[in-house]
PDB file of N, CA and C in Angstrom:
ATOM      1  N   MET A   1     -85.491 190.036 189.173  1.00  0.00           N
ATOM      2  CA  MET A   1     -85.771 191.625 188.672  1.00  0.00           C
ATOM      3  C   MET A   1     -83.848 191.709 189.270  1.00  0.00           C
ATOM      4  N   SER A   2     -83.432 192.052 188.371  1.00  0.00           N
ATOM      5  CA  SER A   2     -81.718 191.439 189.022  1.00  0.00           C
ATOM      6  C   SER A   2     -81.531 193.315 188.607  1.00  0.00           C
ATOM      7  N   ARG A   3     -82.023 193.633 187.140  1.00  0.00           N
ATOM      8  CA  ARG A   3     -81.841 194.533 186.390  1.00  0.00           C
ATOM      9  C   ARG A   3     -83.164 195.701 186.640  1.00  0.00           C
ATOM     10  N   TYR A   4     -83.157 196.463 186.205  1.00  0.00           N
ATOM     11  CA  TYR A   4     -84.712 197.435 186.454  1.00  0.00           C
ATOM     12  C   TYR A   4     -85.758 197.389 185.250  1.00  0.00           C
ATOM     13  N   ASP A   5     -86.582 196.658 184.612  1.00  0.00           N
ATOM     14  CA  ASP A   5     -86.983 196.855 183.417  1.00  0.00           C
ATOM     15  C   ASP A   5     -88.726 197.709 184.004  1.00  0.00           C
ATOM     16  N   PRO A   6     -89.271 198.974 183.479  1.00  0.00           N
ATOM     17  CA  PRO A   6     -89.892 199.548 183.937  1.00  0.00           C
ATOM     18  C   PRO A   6     -91.145 198.644 183.468  1.00  0.00           C
ATOM     19  N   ASN A   7     -91.235 197.743 181.893  1.00  0.00           N
ATOM     20  CA  ASN A   7     -92.481 197.203 182.292  1.00  0.00           C
ATOM     21  C   ASN A   7     -93.256 195.680 182.527  1.00  0.00           C
ATOM     22  N   LEU A   8     -91.192 194.857 182.981  1.00  0.00           N
ATOM     23  CA  LEU A   8     -91.759 193.967 183.735  1.00  0.00           C
ATOM     24  C   LEU A   8     -92.098 194.722 185.152  1.00  0.00           C
ATOM     25  N   ASP A   9     -91.084 196.388 185.648  1.00  0.00           N
ATOM     26  CA  ASP A   9     -92.204 196.147 186.523  1.00  0.00           C
ATOM     27  C   ASP A   9     -93.040 196.649 187.273  1.00  0.00           C
ATOM     28  N   ALA A  10     -93.877 197.201 186.132  1.00  0.00           N
ATOM     29  CA  ALA A  10     -95.111 197.857 186.343  1.00  0.00           C
ATOM     30  C   ALA A  10     -95.957 196.767 185.862  1.00  0.00           C
ATOM     31  N   ALA A  11     -96.224 195.155 184.893  1.00  0.00           N
ATOM     32  CA  ALA A  11     -96.715 194.328 184.355  1.00  0.00           C
ATOM     33  C   ALA A  11     -97.048 193.536 186.193  1.00  0.00           C
ATOM     34  N   LEU A  12     -95.582 193.080 186.833  1.00  0.00           N
ATOM     35  CA  LEU A  12     -95.596 192.661 187.892  1.00  0.00           C
ATOM     36  C   LEU A  12     -96.490 192.696 188.893  1.00  0.00           C
ATOM     37  N   ARG A  13     -96.098 194.164 188.943  1.00  0.00           N
ATOM     38  CA  ARG A  13     -96.819 195.683 190.279  1.00  0.00           C
ATOM     39  C   ARG A  13     -98.585 195.352 189.484  1.00  0.00           C
ATOM     40  N   GLN A  14     -98.848 194.732 188.560  1.00  0.00           N
ATOM     41  CA  GLN A  14    -100.291 194.417 188.313  1.00  0.00           C
ATOM     42  C   GLN A  14    -100.869 193.628 188.624  1.00  0.00           C
ATOM     43  N   LYS A  15    -100.005 192.540 188.567  1.00  0.00           N
ATOM     44  CA  LYS A  15    -100.321 191.046 188.964  1.00  0.00           C
ATOM     45  C   LYS A  15    -100.440 190.734 190.127  1.00  0.00           C
ATOM     46  N   ILE A  16    -100.097 191.546 191.149  1.00  0.00           N
ATOM     47  CA  ILE A  16     -99.589 191.259 192.588  1.00  0.00           C
ATOM     48  C   ILE A  16    -100.902 192.481 192.994  1.00  0.00           C
ATOM     49  N   GLU A  17    -101.073 193.081 192.319  1.00  0.00           N
ATOM     50  CA  GLU A  17    -102.554 194.396 192.690  1.00  0.00           C
ATOM     51  C   GLU A  17    -103.444 193.446 192.426  1.00  0.00           C
ATOM     52  N   ASP A  18    -103.627 192.774 191.427  1.00  0.00           N
ATOM     53  CA  ASP A  18    -104.912 192.382 191.008  1.00  0.00           C
ATOM     54  C   ASP A  18    -105.097 190.895 191.899  1.00  0.00           C
ATOM     55  N   GLY A  19    -104.425 189.928 192.717  1.00  0.00           N
ATOM     56  CA  GLY A  19    -103.824 189.242 193.925  1.00  0.00           C
ATOM     57  C   GLY A  19    -104.818 190.208 195.114  1.00  0.00           C
ATOM     58  N   LEU A  20    -103.667 190.942 195.124  1.00  0.00           N
ATOM     59  CA  LEU A  20    -104.199 191.721 196.132  1.00  0.00           C
ATOM     60  C   LEU A  20    -105.852 191.718 196.296  1.00  0.00           C
ATOM     61  N   ASP A  21    -106.063 192.904 194.801  1.00  0.00           N
ATOM     62  CA  ASP A  21    -107.660 192.447 195.250  1.00  0.00           C
ATOM     63  C   ASP A  21    -108.753 191.761 195.066  1.00  0.00           C
ATOM     64  N   SER A  22    -108.462 190.214 194.588  1.00  0.00           N
ATOM     65  CA  SER A  22    -108.913 188.864 194.993  1.00  0.00           C
ATOM     66  C   SER A  22    -109.434 188.633 196.155  1.00  0.00           C
ATOM     67  N   ILE A  23    -108.575 189.298 197.581  1.00  0.00           N
ATOM     68  CA  ILE A  23    -108.466 189.373 198.387  1.00  0.00           C
ATOM     69  C   ILE A  23    -109.468 190.494 199.415  1.00  0.00           C
ATOM     70  N   ARG A  24    -109.083 191.627 198.904  1.00  0.00           N
ATOM     71  CA  ARG A  24    -109.559 192.465 199.681  1.00  0.00           C
ATOM     72  C   ARG A  24    -110.703 192.690 200.331  1.00  0.00           C
ATOM     73  N   PRO A  25    -111.916 192.689 199.721  1.00  0.00           N
ATOM     74  CA  PRO A  25    -112.821 192.772 200.023  1.00  0.00           C
ATOM     75  C   PRO A  25    -113.263 191.635 201.812  1.00  0.00           C
ATOM     76  N   TYR A  26    -112.612 191.299 201.729  1.00  0.00           N
ATOM     77  CA  TYR A  26    -112.248 189.800 202.995  1.00  0.00           C
ATOM     78  C   TYR A  26    -111.405 190.765 203.904  1.00  0.00           C
ATOM     79  N   LEU A  27    -111.079 192.058 203.628  1.00  0.00           N
ATOM     80  CA  LEU A  27    -109.904 192.225 203.847  1.00  0.00           C
ATOM     81  C   LEU A  27    -111.159 193.487 205.294  1.00  0.00           C
ATOM     82  N   VAL A  28    -111.479 193.836 204.125  1.00  0.00           N
ATOM     83  CA  VAL A  28    -112.518 195.559 204.292  1.00  0.00           C
ATOM     84  C   VAL A  28    -113.687 194.714 205.420  1.00  0.00           C
ATOM     85  N   ALA A  29    -114.034 193.721 204.956  1.00  0.00           N
ATOM     86  CA  ALA A  29    -115.778 193.605 205.703  1.00  0.00           C
ATOM     87  C   ALA A  29    -115.148 193.219 207.526  1.00  0.00           C
ATOM     88  N   ASP A  30    -113.621 193.348 207.530  1.00  0.00           N
ATOM     89  CA  ASP A  30    -113.539 192.823 208.823  1.00  0.00           C
ATOM     90  C   ASP A  30    -112.349 194.419 209.251  1.00  0.00           C
ATOM     91  N   GLY A  31    -112.155 195.459 208.443  1.00  0.00           N
ATOM     92  CA  GLY A  31    -111.576 197.149 208.616  1.00  0.00           C
ATOM     93  C   GLY A  31    -110.277 197.119 208.620  1.00  0.00           C
ATOM     94  N   GLY A  32    -110.076 196.383 207.391  1.00  0.00           N
ATOM     95  CA  GLY A  32    -108.310 196.455 207.145  1.00  0.00           C
ATOM     96  C   GLY A  32    -108.400 196.482 206.271  1.00  0.00           C
ATOM     97  N   GLU A  33    -107.052 195.914 205.204  1.00  0.00           N
ATOM     98  CA  GLU A  33    -106.724 196.449 204.196  1.00  0.00           C
ATOM     99  C   GLU A  33    -104.529 196.709 204.670  1.00  0.00           C
ATOM    100  N   VAL A  34    -105.165 196.272 203.190  1.00  0.00           N
ATOM    101  CA  VAL A  34    -102.928 196.455 202.751  1.00  0.00           C
ATOM    102  C   VAL A  34    -102.989 196.394 201.176  1.00  0.00           C
ATOM    103  N   GLN A  35    -101.955 197.109 201.540  1.00  0.00           N
ATOM    104  CA  GLN A  35    -101.390 197.959 200.802  1.00  0.00           C
ATOM    105  C   GLN A  35     -99.408 197.509 199.804  1.00  0.00           C
ATOM    106  N   LEU A  36     -99.128 197.637 198.865  1.00  0.00           N
ATOM    107  CA  LEU A  36     -98.151 197.139 198.513  1.00  0.00           C
ATOM    108  C   LEU A  36     -96.510 197.845 198.752  1.00  0.00           C
ATOM    109  N   HIS A  37     -96.109 197.795 199.766  1.00  0.00           N
ATOM    110  CA  HIS A  37     -95.180 198.398 200.053  1.00  0.00           C
ATOM    111  C   HIS A  37     -93.317 198.423 198.703  1.00  0.00           C
ATOM    112  N   ARG A  38     -93.073 197.012 199.238  1.00  0.00           N
ATOM    113  CA  ARG A  38     -92.537 196.834 197.741  1.00  0.00           C
ATOM    114  C   ARG A  38     -92.113 195.002 197.036  1.00  0.00           C
ATOM    115  N   ILE A  39     -90.884 195.214 195.812  1.00  0.00           N
ATOM    116  CA  ILE A  39     -91.333 193.499 195.747  1.00  0.00           C
ATOM    117  C   ILE A  39     -89.338 193.420 196.047  1.00  0.00           C
ATOM    118  N   THR A  40     -88.886 193.169 196.363  1.00  0.00           N
ATOM    119  CA  THR A  40     -87.755 192.918 196.189  1.00  0.00           C
ATOM    120  C   THR A  40     -86.907 192.309 195.332  1.00  0.00           C
ATOM    121  N   ASP A  41     -85.852 191.859 195.011  1.00  0.00           N
ATOM    122  CA  ASP A  41     -84.392 191.684 193.955  1.00  0.00           C
ATOM    123  C   ASP A  41     -85.004 189.965 193.772  1.00  0.00           C
ATOM    124  N   ASP A  42     -85.454 189.810 195.172  1.00  0.00           N
ATOM    125  CA  ASP A  42     -85.020 187.934 195.254  1.00  0.00           C
ATOM    126  C   ASP A  42     -86.505 188.053 195.723  1.00  0.00           C
ATOM    127  N   MET A  43     -87.738 188.796 193.999  1.00  0.00           N
ATOM    128  CA  MET A  43     -89.125 188.319 194.830  1.00  0.00           C
ATOM    129  C   MET A  43     -89.831 187.981 196.247  1.00  0.00           C
ATOM    130  N   VAL A  44     -89.061 188.658 197.369  1.00  0.00           N
ATOM    131  CA  VAL A  44     -90.392 189.032 198.750  1.00  0.00           C
ATOM    132  C   VAL A  44     -90.589 190.041 197.947  1.00  0.00           C
ATOM    133  N   VAL A  45     -92.473 190.068 198.339  1.00  0.00           N
ATOM    134  CA  VAL A  45     -93.458 190.927 197.935  1.00  0.00           C
ATOM    135  C   VAL A  45     -93.707 191.120 199.495  1.00  0.00           C
ATOM    136  N   GLU A  46     -93.731 192.619 200.266  1.00  0.00           N
ATOM    137  CA  GLU A  46     -93.081 193.913 201.214  1.00  0.00           C
ATOM    138  C   GLU A  46     -95.149 194.209 200.994  1.00  0.00           C
ATOM    139  N   LEU A  47     -95.724 193.999 202.069  1.00  0.00           N
ATOM    140  CA  LEU A  47     -97.236 194.519 201.894  1.00  0.00           C
ATOM    141  C   LEU A  47     -96.968 195.034 203.616  1.00  0.00           C
ATOM    142  N   LYS A  48     -97.973 196.521 203.328  1.00  0.00           N
ATOM    143  CA  LYS A  48     -97.654 197.408 204.650  1.00  0.00           C
ATOM    144  C   LYS A  48     -99.815 196.425 204.860  1.00  0.00           C
ATOM    145  N   LEU A  49    -100.108 195.978 206.286  1.00  0.00           N
ATOM    146  CA  LEU A  49    -101.369 196.042 206.756  1.00  0.00           C
ATOM    147  C   LEU A  49    -101.776 196.933 207.518  1.00  0.00           C
ATOM    148  N   LEU A  50    -103.507 197.564 206.992  1.00  0.00           N
ATOM    149  CA  LEU A  50    -103.677 198.272 207.492  1.00  0.00           C
ATOM    150  C   LEU A  50    -105.004 199.262 208.062  1.00  0.00           C
ATOM    151  N   GLY A  51    -105.151 199.917 208.847  1.00  0.00           N
ATOM    152  CA  GLY A  51    -106.284 199.340 209.563  1.00  0.00           C
ATOM    153  C   GLY A  51    -106.737 197.968 210.604  1.00  0.00           C
ATOM    154  N   ALA A  52    -107.712 197.200 210.978  1.00  0.00           N
ATOM    155  CA  ALA A  52    -107.716 196.457 211.236  1.00  0.00           C
ATOM    156  C   ALA A  52    -106.866 195.153 211.388  1.00  0.00           C
ATOM    157  N   CYS A  53    -106.055 195.092 210.455  1.00  0.00           N
ATOM    158  CA  CYS A  53    -105.192 194.372 209.881  1.00  0.00           C
ATOM    159  C   CYS A  53    -103.777 194.855 211.252  1.00  0.00           C
ATOM    160  N   GLY A  54    -103.395 195.687 211.398  1.00  0.00           N
ATOM    161  CA  GLY A  54    -102.253 196.124 211.188  1.00  0.00           C
ATOM    162  C   GLY A  54    -102.091 195.601 213.272  1.00  0.00           C
ATOM    163  N   THR A  55    -102.942 196.007 213.611  1.00  0.00           N
ATOM    164  CA  THR A  55    -103.539 195.599 215.347  1.00  0.00           C
ATOM    165  C   THR A  55    -104.402 194.185 215.414  1.00  0.00           C
ATOM    166  N   CYS A  56    -104.380 193.595 214.722  1.00  0.00           N
ATOM    167  CA  CYS A  56    -104.849 192.028 214.798  1.00  0.00           C
ATOM    168  C   CYS A  56    -104.589 190.816 214.727  1.00  0.00           C
ATOM    169  N   PRO A  57    -104.011 190.553 216.387  1.00  0.00           N
ATOM    170  CA  PRO A  57    -103.541 189.157 216.281  1.00  0.00           C
ATOM    171  C   PRO A  57    -103.681 188.237 215.301  1.00  0.00           C
ATOM    172  N   MET A  58    -104.363 187.541 214.692  1.00  0.00           N
ATOM    173  CA  MET A  58    -104.164 187.420 213.485  1.00  0.00           C
ATOM    174  C   MET A  58    -104.030 187.125 212.303  1.00  0.00           C
ATOM    175  N   SER A  59    -103.657 189.034 212.890  1.00  0.00           N
ATOM    176  CA  SER A  59    -102.958 188.635 210.789  1.00  0.00           C
ATOM    177  C   SER A  59    -101.940 187.468 210.467  1.00  0.00           C
ATOM    178  N   THR A  60    -100.784 187.493 211.718  1.00  0.00           N
ATOM    179  CA  THR A  60     -99.543 186.536 210.971  1.00  0.00           C
ATOM    180  C   THR A  60    -100.752 185.697 209.903  1.00  0.00           C
ATOM    181  N   MET A  61    -101.902 185.070 211.117  1.00  0.00           N
ATOM    182  CA  MET A  61    -101.873 183.796 209.759  1.00  0.00           C
ATOM    183  C   MET A  61    -102.719 184.621 208.359  1.00  0.00           C
ATOM    184  N   THR A  62    -103.280 185.421 208.340  1.00  0.00           N
ATOM    185  CA  THR A  62    -104.325 186.277 207.389  1.00  0.00           C
ATOM    186  C   THR A  62    -103.600 186.369 206.517  1.00  0.00           C
ATOM    187  N   LEU A  63    -101.720 187.001 206.473  1.00  0.00           N
ATOM    188  CA  LEU A  63    -101.061 187.256 205.789  1.00  0.00           C
ATOM    189  C   LEU A  63    -100.739 185.506 205.120  1.00  0.00           C
ATOM    190  N   ARG A  64    -100.581 184.845 206.035  1.00  0.00           N
ATOM    191  CA  ARG A  64     -99.760 183.706 205.467  1.00  0.00           C
ATOM    192  C   ARG A  64    -101.054 182.608 204.888  1.00  0.00           C
ATOM    193  N   ALA A  65    -101.577 182.192 205.218  1.00  0.00           N
ATOM    194  CA  ALA A  65    -102.933 181.653 204.719  1.00  0.00           C
ATOM    195  C   ALA A  65    -103.601 181.954 204.133  1.00  0.00           C
ATOM    196  N   GLY A  66    -104.032 182.819 203.751  1.00  0.00           N
ATOM    197  CA  GLY A  66    -104.701 184.422 203.090  1.00  0.00           C
ATOM    198  C   GLY A  66    -104.247 185.019 201.812  1.00  0.00           C
ATOM    199  N   ILE A  67    -103.629 185.912 202.307  1.00  0.00           N
ATOM    200  CA  ILE A  67    -102.733 186.649 201.117  1.00  0.00           C
ATOM    201  C   ILE A  67    -101.250 186.102 200.357  1.00  0.00           C
ATOM    202  N   GLU A  68    -101.560 185.943 201.013  1.00  0.00           N
ATOM    203  CA  GLU A  68     -98.990 184.938 200.202  1.00  0.00           C
ATOM    204  C   GLU A  68    -100.064 183.966 199.795  1.00  0.00           C
ATOM    205  N   GLN A  69    -100.862 183.084 200.180  1.00  0.00           N
ATOM    206  CA  GLN A  69    -101.668 181.787 199.172  1.00  0.00           C
ATOM    207  C   GLN A  69    -101.887 182.682 197.188  1.00  0.00           C
ATOM    208  N   ALA A  70    -102.857 184.236 197.739  1.00  0.00           N
ATOM    209  CA  ALA A  70    -103.530 184.296 196.750  1.00  0.00           C
ATOM    210  C   ALA A  70    -101.964 185.679 196.201  1.00  0.00           C
ATOM    211  N   LEU A  71    -101.643 185.762 196.151  1.00  0.00           N
ATOM    212  CA  LEU A  71    -101.077 186.074 195.370  1.00  0.00           C
ATOM    213  C   LEU A  71     -99.938 185.172 194.972  1.00  0.00           C
ATOM    214  N   ARG A  72     -99.262 183.935 195.586  1.00  0.00           N
ATOM    215  CA  ARG A  72     -98.515 182.927 194.559  1.00  0.00           C
ATOM    216  C   ARG A  72    -100.012 182.409 193.502  1.00  0.00           C
ATOM    217  N   HIS A  73    -100.959 182.021 193.574  1.00  0.00           N
ATOM    218  CA  HIS A  73    -101.851 181.534 192.793  1.00  0.00           C
ATOM    219  C   HIS A  73    -101.251 182.914 191.505  1.00  0.00           C
ATOM    220  N   ALA A  74    -102.126 183.977 191.817  1.00  0.00           N
ATOM    221  CA  ALA A  74    -101.654 185.333 190.786  1.00  0.00           C
ATOM    222  C   ALA A  74    -100.667 185.598 190.683  1.00  0.00           C
ATOM    223  N   VAL A  75     -98.831 184.904 191.078  1.00  0.00           N
ATOM    224  CA  VAL A  75     -97.433 185.120 190.639  1.00  0.00           C
ATOM    225  C   VAL A  75     -97.068 184.242 191.557  1.00  0.00           C
ATOM    226  N   PRO A  76     -96.697 183.119 190.386  1.00  0.00           N
ATOM    227  CA  PRO A  76     -96.207 182.269 190.339  1.00  0.00           C
ATOM    228  C   PRO A  76     -94.788 182.357 192.277  1.00  0.00           C
ATOM    229  N   GLN A  77     -93.957 182.997 190.914  1.00  0.00           N
ATOM    230  CA  GLN A  77     -92.598 183.708 190.650  1.00  0.00           C
ATOM    231  C   GLN A  77     -92.257 184.053 191.869  1.00  0.00           C
ATOM    232  N   ILE A  78     -93.635 184.185 193.489  1.00  0.00           N
ATOM    233  CA  ILE A  78     -93.038 185.091 194.308  1.00  0.00           C
ATOM    234  C   ILE A  78     -92.474 184.053 195.384  1.00  0.00           C
ATOM    235  N   SER A  79     -91.786 184.443 196.200  1.00  0.00           N
ATOM    236  CA  SER A  79     -90.744 183.456 196.777  1.00  0.00           C
ATOM    237  C   SER A  79     -91.642 183.396 198.070  1.00  0.00           C
ATOM    238  N   ARG A  80     -92.382 184.941 198.797  1.00  0.00           N
ATOM    239  CA  ARG A  80     -92.432 185.026 200.010  1.00  0.00           C
ATOM    240  C   ARG A  80     -92.995 186.265 199.831  1.00  0.00           C
ATOM    241  N   VAL A  81     -94.214 186.305 200.994  1.00  0.00           N
ATOM    242  CA  VAL A  81     -94.832 188.177 201.328  1.00  0.00           C
ATOM    243  C   VAL A  81     -94.576 188.225 202.637  1.00  0.00           C
ATOM    244  N   ASP A  82     -93.892 189.006 203.210  1.00  0.00           N
ATOM    245  CA  ASP A  82     -93.874 189.422 204.294  1.00  0.00           C
ATOM    246  C   ASP A  82     -94.506 191.576 204.644  1.00  0.00           C
ATOM    247  N   ALA A  83     -94.696 191.320 206.070  1.00  0.00           N
ATOM    248  CA  ALA A  83     -95.459 192.752 206.401  1.00  0.00           C
ATOM    249  C   ALA A  83     -94.376 193.600 206.938  1.00  0.00           C
ATOM    250  N   VAL A  84     -94.281 194.605 206.382  1.00  0.00           N
ATOM    251  CA  VAL A  84     -92.864 195.765 207.179  1.00  0.00           C
ATOM    252  C   VAL A  84     -94.053 197.174 207.754  1.00  0.00           C
TER     253      VAL A  84
END
């Protein structure tokens, strides 16, 4: 996404939100939440881990094994998922 395209950006954001929605119930059940912060030009998705997810010692594992896998399934062009 080197050039800003509002339609592409909106469609990509929606796919990412759909991917997050697939895992949100599990996070909410443990008192956590996740919020899309931004998508970089090199397709890194930056997320804010909220609630219990923000302080959980297992949040890195949740991010890599759960959230990143769900997002890569929904949006294969994602290169990485990071917490901010």
